[in-house]
Structures are given as structure tokens and as C-alpha cells.
Amino acid sequence: MDMTGEQIIPLPQQQVWEALNDPAILKDCISGCDLMEKISDTEYKVGMTAAIGPVKAKFTGKLLLLDMNPPDSYALAFEGTGGIAGFGKGTASVTLSPDGSGTRLSYSAKASVGGKLAQIGSRLIDGVARKMADEFFVKFNARVAPQPAAQP
């Protein structure tokens, strides 16, 4: 699975960088995530429940931050296992750049799955991955840059 995308986040670049490196914010913004524990400055322990088609499993794994260039970019490596459901692993790169009064976040990710997950089919997996990415950014923007309430 390969996935790329861009988001405009209405915050200065340094604030976006800090939020992307805050385990509590990440945990709240990743659907199904129930554990995001910082092990070191570059490693996190992750736990989440995910449903992909007929397969629903609790995944545990780790996330490594690589090639950090604050507050402009970093790369991620991730791997997780979900018991009999199988495993997932991959890499991602994230780049931040100023965009007017906000920040442009560009990302690209590559992932592979094995076990029962591999039997589901790449189109379904790609669709779920895209939905999870979209949900992450909706939650991330709501969390770090909430819109003011409309005045009556």
C-alpha cells in the first residue's frame, strides 16, 4: 500500500511539529488507539484495535522516529502484530512547510501486511488506510486548532 497526501493546518509550523510529537495528542487522534507510550525520544510503544473488513484485531507494536529535522521533517518506521489477524509494517515521511499563516503538512507512506490481513485484498486495505488517515487529520485539526464557536 502506498499513500500520499497534504493537509493545511491553521497553526505555525513549530506548534504543528510539537503536536505531532505529543503522544497524548497522537493517541487521541488515531482511531482505535489505546496506547501511545513514549519509550525514548525516538521510540513509542503503540496499541490499537483495528477492523479491516471481516478481520478485527488488537495490534501492538512500535513506532520509530528517524531522520528528524525539527521542525521541518522526519521519517517513521512502524510495525505491529495482531495475533492470528497478522501483521503490518511500513515507513512514512512527513514534511512541514509554512503556508500563509498556517502549515502545509505533506506525507507519504508505504505499508505491507501479512497473515489474514493479506488475504483480504489490497483495495479494501487501501480504503481503510485512507479512511484512517482522513479521520486522523480531522481529529488532529480539531484538537490542535479548534475553530471558534459561532456567535448567536
N, C-alpha and C. Protein backbone atom coordinates (compact mmCIF):
# COMPACT_ATOMS: atom_id res chain seq x y z
N MET A 1 0.84 -1.17 0.00
CA MET A 1 0.00 0.00 0.00
C MET A 1 0.89 1.23 0.00
N ASP A 2 0.61 2.14 -0.90
CA ASP A 2 1.28 3.44 -0.96
C ASP A 2 0.21 4.51 -0.81
N MET A 3 0.54 5.54 -0.03
CA MET A 3 -0.44 6.60 0.20
C MET A 3 0.31 7.91 0.36
N THR A 4 -0.21 8.97 -0.26
CA THR A 4 0.36 10.30 -0.10
C THR A 4 -0.78 11.27 0.16
N GLY A 5 -0.45 12.40 0.74
CA GLY A 5 -1.46 13.41 0.97
C GLY A 5 -0.87 14.69 1.50
N GLU A 6 -1.71 15.71 1.55
CA GLU A 6 -1.33 17.01 2.09
C GLU A 6 -2.48 17.56 2.91
N GLN A 7 -2.13 18.30 3.92
CA GLN A 7 -3.11 18.99 4.75
C GLN A 7 -2.58 20.38 5.06
N ILE A 8 -3.48 21.34 5.14
CA ILE A 8 -3.11 22.67 5.62
C ILE A 8 -3.65 22.76 7.05
N ILE A 9 -2.76 23.00 7.98
CA ILE A 9 -3.13 23.10 9.40
C ILE A 9 -2.97 24.55 9.82
N PRO A 10 -4.03 25.17 10.36
CA PRO A 10 -4.01 26.61 10.63
C PRO A 10 -3.25 26.99 11.90
N LEU A 11 -2.00 26.51 11.98
CA LEU A 11 -1.12 26.82 13.11
C LEU A 11 0.29 27.05 12.59
N PRO A 12 1.11 27.80 13.34
CA PRO A 12 2.51 27.94 12.95
C PRO A 12 3.21 26.57 12.95
N GLN A 13 4.24 26.47 12.12
CA GLN A 13 4.95 25.21 11.92
C GLN A 13 5.47 24.60 13.22
N GLN A 14 6.04 25.41 14.11
CA GLN A 14 6.58 24.87 15.35
C GLN A 14 5.48 24.22 16.20
N GLN A 15 4.30 24.81 16.24
CA GLN A 15 3.20 24.23 17.01
C GLN A 15 2.74 22.91 16.40
N VAL A 16 2.71 22.83 15.08
CA VAL A 16 2.32 21.58 14.42
C VAL A 16 3.36 20.50 14.73
N TRP A 17 4.64 20.86 14.66
CA TRP A 17 5.71 19.91 14.98
C TRP A 17 5.55 19.37 16.40
N GLU A 18 5.34 20.26 17.34
CA GLU A 18 5.19 19.85 18.74
C GLU A 18 3.99 18.92 18.91
N ALA A 19 2.88 19.23 18.25
CA ALA A 19 1.69 18.39 18.37
C ALA A 19 1.93 17.01 17.76
N LEU A 20 2.65 16.95 16.65
CA LEU A 20 2.94 15.66 16.01
C LEU A 20 3.88 14.80 16.84
N ASN A 21 4.51 15.40 17.83
CA ASN A 21 5.43 14.67 18.69
C ASN A 21 4.90 14.53 20.12
N ASP A 22 3.62 14.78 20.30
CA ASP A 22 2.98 14.67 21.61
C ASP A 22 2.18 13.37 21.66
N PRO A 23 2.63 12.39 22.47
CA PRO A 23 1.95 11.09 22.49
C PRO A 23 0.47 11.19 22.87
N ALA A 24 0.10 12.10 23.75
CA ALA A 24 -1.31 12.22 24.16
C ALA A 24 -2.17 12.69 22.98
N ILE A 25 -1.67 13.64 22.21
CA ILE A 25 -2.42 14.12 21.05
C ILE A 25 -2.53 13.01 20.01
N LEU A 26 -1.43 12.32 19.75
CA LEU A 26 -1.47 11.25 18.76
C LEU A 26 -2.45 10.16 19.17
N LYS A 27 -2.42 9.77 20.44
CA LYS A 27 -3.32 8.73 20.93
C LYS A 27 -4.78 9.14 20.71
N ASP A 28 -5.09 10.38 21.00
CA ASP A 28 -6.46 10.87 20.83
C ASP A 28 -6.89 10.95 19.37
N CYS A 29 -5.94 11.11 18.47
CA CYS A 29 -6.28 11.35 17.06
C CYS A 29 -6.23 10.11 16.18
N ILE A 30 -5.62 9.03 16.65
CA ILE A 30 -5.55 7.80 15.87
C ILE A 30 -6.73 6.92 16.27
N SER A 31 -7.62 6.65 15.33
CA SER A 31 -8.81 5.84 15.63
C SER A 31 -8.41 4.47 16.16
N GLY A 32 -9.02 4.07 17.28
CA GLY A 32 -8.77 2.76 17.86
C GLY A 32 -7.53 2.68 18.72
N CYS A 33 -6.77 3.76 18.82
CA CYS A 33 -5.52 3.74 19.59
C CYS A 33 -5.83 3.82 21.09
N ASP A 34 -5.31 2.86 21.84
CA ASP A 34 -5.49 2.90 23.29
C ASP A 34 -4.17 2.97 24.04
N LEU A 35 -3.05 2.98 23.32
CA LEU A 35 -1.74 3.10 23.95
C LEU A 35 -0.79 3.82 23.01
N MET A 36 -0.18 4.90 23.50
CA MET A 36 0.88 5.60 22.78
C MET A 36 1.85 6.05 23.87
N GLU A 37 2.81 5.19 24.14
CA GLU A 37 3.73 5.40 25.25
C GLU A 37 5.12 5.71 24.73
N LYS A 38 5.65 6.83 25.18
CA LYS A 38 6.99 7.25 24.74
C LYS A 38 8.03 6.41 25.49
N ILE A 39 8.84 5.67 24.74
CA ILE A 39 9.90 4.85 25.32
C ILE A 39 11.20 5.64 25.38
N SER A 40 11.47 6.41 24.33
CA SER A 40 12.64 7.29 24.26
C SER A 40 12.27 8.46 23.37
N ASP A 41 13.23 9.33 23.08
CA ASP A 41 12.94 10.48 22.21
C ASP A 41 12.56 10.06 20.80
N THR A 42 12.89 8.82 20.43
CA THR A 42 12.63 8.38 19.06
C THR A 42 11.81 7.10 18.97
N GLU A 43 11.32 6.57 20.09
CA GLU A 43 10.58 5.31 20.04
C GLU A 43 9.32 5.37 20.90
N TYR A 44 8.22 4.84 20.33
CA TYR A 44 6.94 4.77 21.02
C TYR A 44 6.44 3.34 20.98
N LYS A 45 5.78 2.93 22.06
CA LYS A 45 5.06 1.66 22.10
C LYS A 45 3.61 2.00 21.78
N VAL A 46 3.00 1.23 20.87
CA VAL A 46 1.67 1.56 20.37
C VAL A 46 0.74 0.35 20.53
N GLY A 47 -0.50 0.62 20.88
CA GLY A 47 -1.54 -0.40 20.93
C GLY A 47 -2.81 0.16 20.32
N MET A 48 -3.45 -0.62 19.47
CA MET A 48 -4.69 -0.14 18.86
C MET A 48 -5.53 -1.31 18.38
N THR A 49 -6.82 -1.06 18.28
CA THR A 49 -7.74 -2.03 17.72
C THR A 49 -8.16 -1.53 16.36
N ALA A 50 -8.09 -2.40 15.38
CA ALA A 50 -8.47 -2.01 14.02
C ALA A 50 -9.34 -3.09 13.40
N ALA A 51 -10.30 -2.66 12.62
CA ALA A 51 -11.17 -3.58 11.87
C ALA A 51 -10.95 -3.31 10.39
N ILE A 52 -10.56 -4.35 9.69
CA ILE A 52 -10.36 -4.25 8.25
C ILE A 52 -11.21 -5.35 7.63
N GLY A 53 -12.31 -4.95 7.04
CA GLY A 53 -13.25 -5.94 6.52
C GLY A 53 -13.73 -6.83 7.65
N PRO A 54 -13.67 -8.14 7.46
CA PRO A 54 -14.16 -9.06 8.49
C PRO A 54 -13.15 -9.32 9.61
N VAL A 55 -11.93 -8.75 9.48
CA VAL A 55 -10.88 -9.02 10.47
C VAL A 55 -10.79 -7.84 11.45
N LYS A 56 -11.01 -8.13 12.72
CA LYS A 56 -10.86 -7.12 13.77
C LYS A 56 -9.86 -7.68 14.77
N ALA A 57 -8.85 -6.88 15.11
CA ALA A 57 -7.81 -7.38 16.00
C ALA A 57 -7.20 -6.25 16.79
N LYS A 58 -6.61 -6.63 17.90
CA LYS A 58 -5.85 -5.73 18.75
C LYS A 58 -4.39 -5.83 18.30
N PHE A 59 -3.83 -4.74 17.88
CA PHE A 59 -2.46 -4.71 17.40
C PHE A 59 -1.56 -4.05 18.44
N THR A 60 -0.38 -4.60 18.62
CA THR A 60 0.63 -3.98 19.46
C THR A 60 1.89 -3.86 18.62
N GLY A 61 2.63 -2.81 18.86
CA GLY A 61 3.84 -2.63 18.07
C GLY A 61 4.63 -1.43 18.52
N LYS A 62 5.51 -1.01 17.62
CA LYS A 62 6.35 0.14 17.95
C LYS A 62 6.44 1.07 16.75
N LEU A 63 6.74 2.31 17.08
CA LEU A 63 6.89 3.38 16.11
C LEU A 63 8.24 4.03 16.38
N LEU A 64 9.07 4.11 15.35
CA LEU A 64 10.38 4.73 15.48
C LEU A 64 10.42 6.01 14.66
N LEU A 65 10.95 7.09 15.25
CA LEU A 65 11.15 8.34 14.53
C LEU A 65 12.58 8.35 14.01
N LEU A 66 12.72 8.64 12.72
CA LEU A 66 14.03 8.60 12.08
C LEU A 66 14.29 9.90 11.33
N ASP A 67 15.54 10.18 11.07
CA ASP A 67 15.92 11.33 10.24
C ASP A 67 15.21 12.60 10.67
N MET A 68 15.20 12.85 11.98
CA MET A 68 14.48 14.02 12.50
C MET A 68 15.21 15.31 12.12
N ASN A 69 14.46 16.27 11.61
CA ASN A 69 14.96 17.58 11.23
C ASN A 69 13.95 18.63 11.71
N PRO A 70 13.87 18.83 13.07
CA PRO A 70 12.85 19.72 13.63
C PRO A 70 13.03 21.16 13.14
N PRO A 71 11.98 21.88 12.89
CA PRO A 71 10.57 21.48 12.84
C PRO A 71 10.10 21.23 11.40
N ASP A 72 11.00 20.69 10.56
CA ASP A 72 10.69 20.57 9.13
C ASP A 72 10.26 19.18 8.67
N SER A 73 10.89 18.12 9.21
CA SER A 73 10.57 16.80 8.66
C SER A 73 11.06 15.68 9.58
N TYR A 74 10.49 14.51 9.36
CA TYR A 74 11.00 13.28 9.93
C TYR A 74 10.46 12.10 9.16
N ALA A 75 11.05 10.97 9.41
CA ALA A 75 10.57 9.72 8.83
C ALA A 75 10.13 8.83 9.98
N LEU A 76 9.24 7.91 9.69
CA LEU A 76 8.73 6.97 10.68
C LEU A 76 8.91 5.55 10.15
N ALA A 77 9.17 4.65 11.07
CA ALA A 77 9.11 3.23 10.75
C ALA A 77 8.18 2.62 11.78
N PHE A 78 7.26 1.77 11.33
CA PHE A 78 6.31 1.19 12.26
C PHE A 78 6.13 -0.28 11.96
N GLU A 79 5.82 -1.01 13.00
CA GLU A 79 5.49 -2.43 12.86
C GLU A 79 4.58 -2.83 13.99
N GLY A 80 3.67 -3.72 13.69
CA GLY A 80 2.73 -4.18 14.70
C GLY A 80 2.22 -5.57 14.36
N THR A 81 1.83 -6.29 15.40
CA THR A 81 1.27 -7.62 15.20
C THR A 81 -0.10 -7.66 15.86
N GLY A 82 -0.97 -8.44 15.23
CA GLY A 82 -2.34 -8.59 15.72
C GLY A 82 -2.71 -10.04 15.90
N GLY A 83 -1.77 -10.83 16.42
CA GLY A 83 -2.05 -12.25 16.65
C GLY A 83 -2.37 -12.96 15.36
N ILE A 84 -3.44 -13.76 15.37
CA ILE A 84 -3.79 -14.53 14.17
C ILE A 84 -4.25 -13.66 13.01
N ALA A 85 -4.59 -12.38 13.30
CA ALA A 85 -5.00 -11.49 12.22
C ALA A 85 -3.83 -11.17 11.29
N GLY A 86 -2.62 -11.20 11.83
CA GLY A 86 -1.47 -10.94 11.00
C GLY A 86 -0.64 -9.78 11.52
N PHE A 87 0.07 -9.13 10.61
CA PHE A 87 0.96 -8.05 10.99
C PHE A 87 0.92 -6.96 9.94
N GLY A 88 1.41 -5.80 10.35
CA GLY A 88 1.58 -4.69 9.44
C GLY A 88 2.90 -4.02 9.73
N LYS A 89 3.55 -3.52 8.70
CA LYS A 89 4.79 -2.77 8.90
C LYS A 89 4.95 -1.81 7.74
N GLY A 90 5.72 -0.77 7.98
CA GLY A 90 5.91 0.19 6.92
C GLY A 90 6.73 1.38 7.32
N THR A 91 6.78 2.34 6.43
CA THR A 91 7.52 3.57 6.65
C THR A 91 6.66 4.74 6.20
N ALA A 92 6.98 5.91 6.71
CA ALA A 92 6.29 7.13 6.29
C ALA A 92 7.26 8.29 6.40
N SER A 93 7.03 9.31 5.61
CA SER A 93 7.79 10.54 5.75
C SER A 93 6.80 11.69 5.88
N VAL A 94 7.17 12.65 6.72
CA VAL A 94 6.32 13.82 6.99
C VAL A 94 7.17 15.06 6.80
N THR A 95 6.65 16.02 6.02
CA THR A 95 7.35 17.27 5.80
C THR A 95 6.41 18.42 6.14
N LEU A 96 6.92 19.38 6.88
CA LEU A 96 6.16 20.58 7.25
C LEU A 96 6.80 21.79 6.57
N SER A 97 5.96 22.70 6.07
CA SER A 97 6.47 23.94 5.50
C SER A 97 5.44 25.04 5.74
N PRO A 98 5.92 26.28 5.85
CA PRO A 98 5.00 27.40 6.06
C PRO A 98 4.05 27.53 4.87
N ASP A 99 2.79 27.89 5.16
CA ASP A 99 1.78 28.11 4.12
C ASP A 99 0.89 29.24 4.60
N GLY A 100 1.22 30.46 4.19
CA GLY A 100 0.48 31.62 4.69
C GLY A 100 0.64 31.71 6.20
N SER A 101 -0.49 31.77 6.91
CA SER A 101 -0.43 31.84 8.38
C SER A 101 -0.48 30.44 9.00
N GLY A 102 -0.53 29.41 8.17
CA GLY A 102 -0.59 28.03 8.66
C GLY A 102 0.61 27.22 8.23
N THR A 103 0.42 25.91 8.25
CA THR A 103 1.49 24.98 7.92
C THR A 103 0.97 23.94 6.94
N ARG A 104 1.75 23.67 5.89
CA ARG A 104 1.44 22.60 4.95
C ARG A 104 2.15 21.34 5.44
N LEU A 105 1.35 20.30 5.69
CA LEU A 105 1.87 19.00 6.09
C LEU A 105 1.73 18.07 4.89
N SER A 106 2.85 17.55 4.40
CA SER A 106 2.85 16.58 3.30
C SER A 106 3.34 15.26 3.84
N TYR A 107 2.70 14.18 3.40
CA TYR A 107 3.13 12.87 3.88
C TYR A 107 3.09 11.85 2.76
N SER A 108 3.92 10.84 2.93
CA SER A 108 3.86 9.67 2.06
C SER A 108 4.12 8.46 2.95
N ALA A 109 3.41 7.38 2.69
CA ALA A 109 3.53 6.17 3.49
C ALA A 109 3.55 4.95 2.59
N LYS A 110 4.29 3.96 3.01
CA LYS A 110 4.31 2.65 2.36
C LYS A 110 4.13 1.62 3.46
N ALA A 111 3.24 0.67 3.24
CA ALA A 111 2.98 -0.34 4.26
C ALA A 111 2.72 -1.68 3.59
N SER A 112 2.98 -2.73 4.35
CA SER A 112 2.65 -4.08 3.88
C SER A 112 2.02 -4.83 5.05
N VAL A 113 1.21 -5.81 4.71
CA VAL A 113 0.53 -6.62 5.72
C VAL A 113 0.75 -8.09 5.39
N GLY A 114 0.60 -8.92 6.42
CA GLY A 114 0.72 -10.36 6.24
C GLY A 114 -0.32 -11.08 7.08
N GLY A 115 -0.40 -12.37 6.94
CA GLY A 115 -1.38 -13.16 7.69
C GLY A 115 -2.77 -13.02 7.09
N LYS A 116 -3.80 -13.13 7.93
CA LYS A 116 -5.18 -13.00 7.45
C LYS A 116 -5.42 -11.67 6.74
N LEU A 117 -4.75 -10.62 7.22
CA LEU A 117 -4.94 -9.31 6.59
C LEU A 117 -4.55 -9.34 5.12
N ALA A 118 -3.52 -10.08 4.78
CA ALA A 118 -3.07 -10.14 3.39
C ALA A 118 -4.10 -10.83 2.50
N GLN A 119 -4.96 -11.64 3.07
CA GLN A 119 -5.97 -12.36 2.29
C GLN A 119 -7.18 -11.49 1.96
N ILE A 120 -7.31 -10.36 2.63
CA ILE A 120 -8.49 -9.50 2.46
C ILE A 120 -8.50 -8.81 1.11
N GLY A 121 -7.34 -8.41 0.65
CA GLY A 121 -7.26 -7.71 -0.63
C GLY A 121 -6.79 -6.28 -0.46
N SER A 122 -5.95 -5.87 -1.36
CA SER A 122 -5.32 -4.56 -1.23
C SER A 122 -6.31 -3.40 -1.39
N ARG A 123 -7.35 -3.57 -2.21
CA ARG A 123 -8.29 -2.45 -2.37
C ARG A 123 -9.00 -2.13 -1.07
N LEU A 124 -9.42 -3.14 -0.34
CA LEU A 124 -10.09 -2.92 0.94
C LEU A 124 -9.12 -2.32 1.96
N ILE A 125 -7.91 -2.86 2.01
CA ILE A 125 -6.90 -2.34 2.95
C ILE A 125 -6.57 -0.89 2.62
N ASP A 126 -6.38 -0.58 1.34
CA ASP A 126 -6.08 0.80 0.95
C ASP A 126 -7.21 1.75 1.35
N GLY A 127 -8.45 1.30 1.17
CA GLY A 127 -9.60 2.13 1.54
C GLY A 127 -9.66 2.40 3.04
N VAL A 128 -9.39 1.37 3.84
CA VAL A 128 -9.38 1.54 5.29
C VAL A 128 -8.24 2.46 5.71
N ALA A 129 -7.07 2.30 5.10
CA ALA A 129 -5.92 3.15 5.42
C ALA A 129 -6.21 4.61 5.09
N ARG A 130 -6.81 4.85 3.94
CA ARG A 130 -7.15 6.22 3.56
C ARG A 130 -8.17 6.81 4.53
N LYS A 131 -9.18 6.01 4.92
CA LYS A 131 -10.19 6.47 5.87
C LYS A 131 -9.54 6.80 7.22
N MET A 132 -8.61 5.94 7.68
CA MET A 132 -7.94 6.20 8.95
C MET A 132 -7.10 7.48 8.88
N ALA A 133 -6.43 7.71 7.75
CA ALA A 133 -5.64 8.94 7.59
C ALA A 133 -6.55 10.16 7.61
N ASP A 134 -7.67 10.09 6.87
CA ASP A 134 -8.61 11.21 6.86
C ASP A 134 -9.15 11.50 8.25
N GLU A 135 -9.53 10.44 8.99
CA GLU A 135 -10.05 10.61 10.35
C GLU A 135 -8.98 11.20 11.26
N PHE A 136 -7.74 10.76 11.10
CA PHE A 136 -6.65 11.30 11.92
C PHE A 136 -6.57 12.82 11.74
N PHE A 137 -6.57 13.29 10.49
CA PHE A 137 -6.40 14.72 10.27
C PHE A 137 -7.61 15.53 10.71
N VAL A 138 -8.80 14.99 10.60
CA VAL A 138 -9.98 15.67 11.13
C VAL A 138 -9.83 15.84 12.65
N LYS A 139 -9.48 14.76 13.34
CA LYS A 139 -9.31 14.82 14.79
C LYS A 139 -8.12 15.69 15.18
N PHE A 140 -7.02 15.58 14.43
CA PHE A 140 -5.81 16.36 14.74
C PHE A 140 -6.11 17.85 14.63
N ASN A 141 -6.75 18.26 13.53
CA ASN A 141 -7.09 19.68 13.36
C ASN A 141 -8.05 20.15 14.45
N ALA A 142 -9.04 19.33 14.79
CA ALA A 142 -9.99 19.71 15.84
C ALA A 142 -9.29 19.84 17.19
N ARG A 143 -8.30 19.00 17.43
CA ARG A 143 -7.61 19.00 18.72
C ARG A 143 -6.62 20.16 18.84
N VAL A 144 -5.81 20.39 17.78
CA VAL A 144 -4.74 21.38 17.91
C VAL A 144 -5.15 22.76 17.41
N ALA A 145 -6.16 22.86 16.56
CA ALA A 145 -6.58 24.15 16.03
C ALA A 145 -8.09 24.24 15.98
N PRO A 146 -8.75 24.14 17.18
CA PRO A 146 -10.21 24.16 17.18
C PRO A 146 -10.74 25.49 16.63
N GLN A 147 -11.83 25.38 15.90
CA GLN A 147 -12.47 26.56 15.34
C GLN A 147 -13.31 27.23 16.43
N PRO A 148 -13.33 28.56 16.46
CA PRO A 148 -14.17 29.23 17.46
C PRO A 148 -15.64 28.93 17.23
N ALA A 149 -16.39 28.87 18.30
CA ALA A 149 -17.84 28.60 18.19
C ALA A 149 -18.52 29.77 17.50
N ALA A 150 -19.50 29.46 16.70
CA ALA A 150 -20.26 30.50 16.01
C ALA A 150 -21.01 31.35 17.03
N GLN A 151 -21.00 32.64 16.80
CA GLN A 151 -21.70 33.55 17.71
C GLN A 151 -23.18 33.58 17.35
N PRO A 152 -24.07 33.52 18.35
CA PRO A 152 -25.51 33.54 18.05
C PRO A 152 -25.97 34.89 17.55
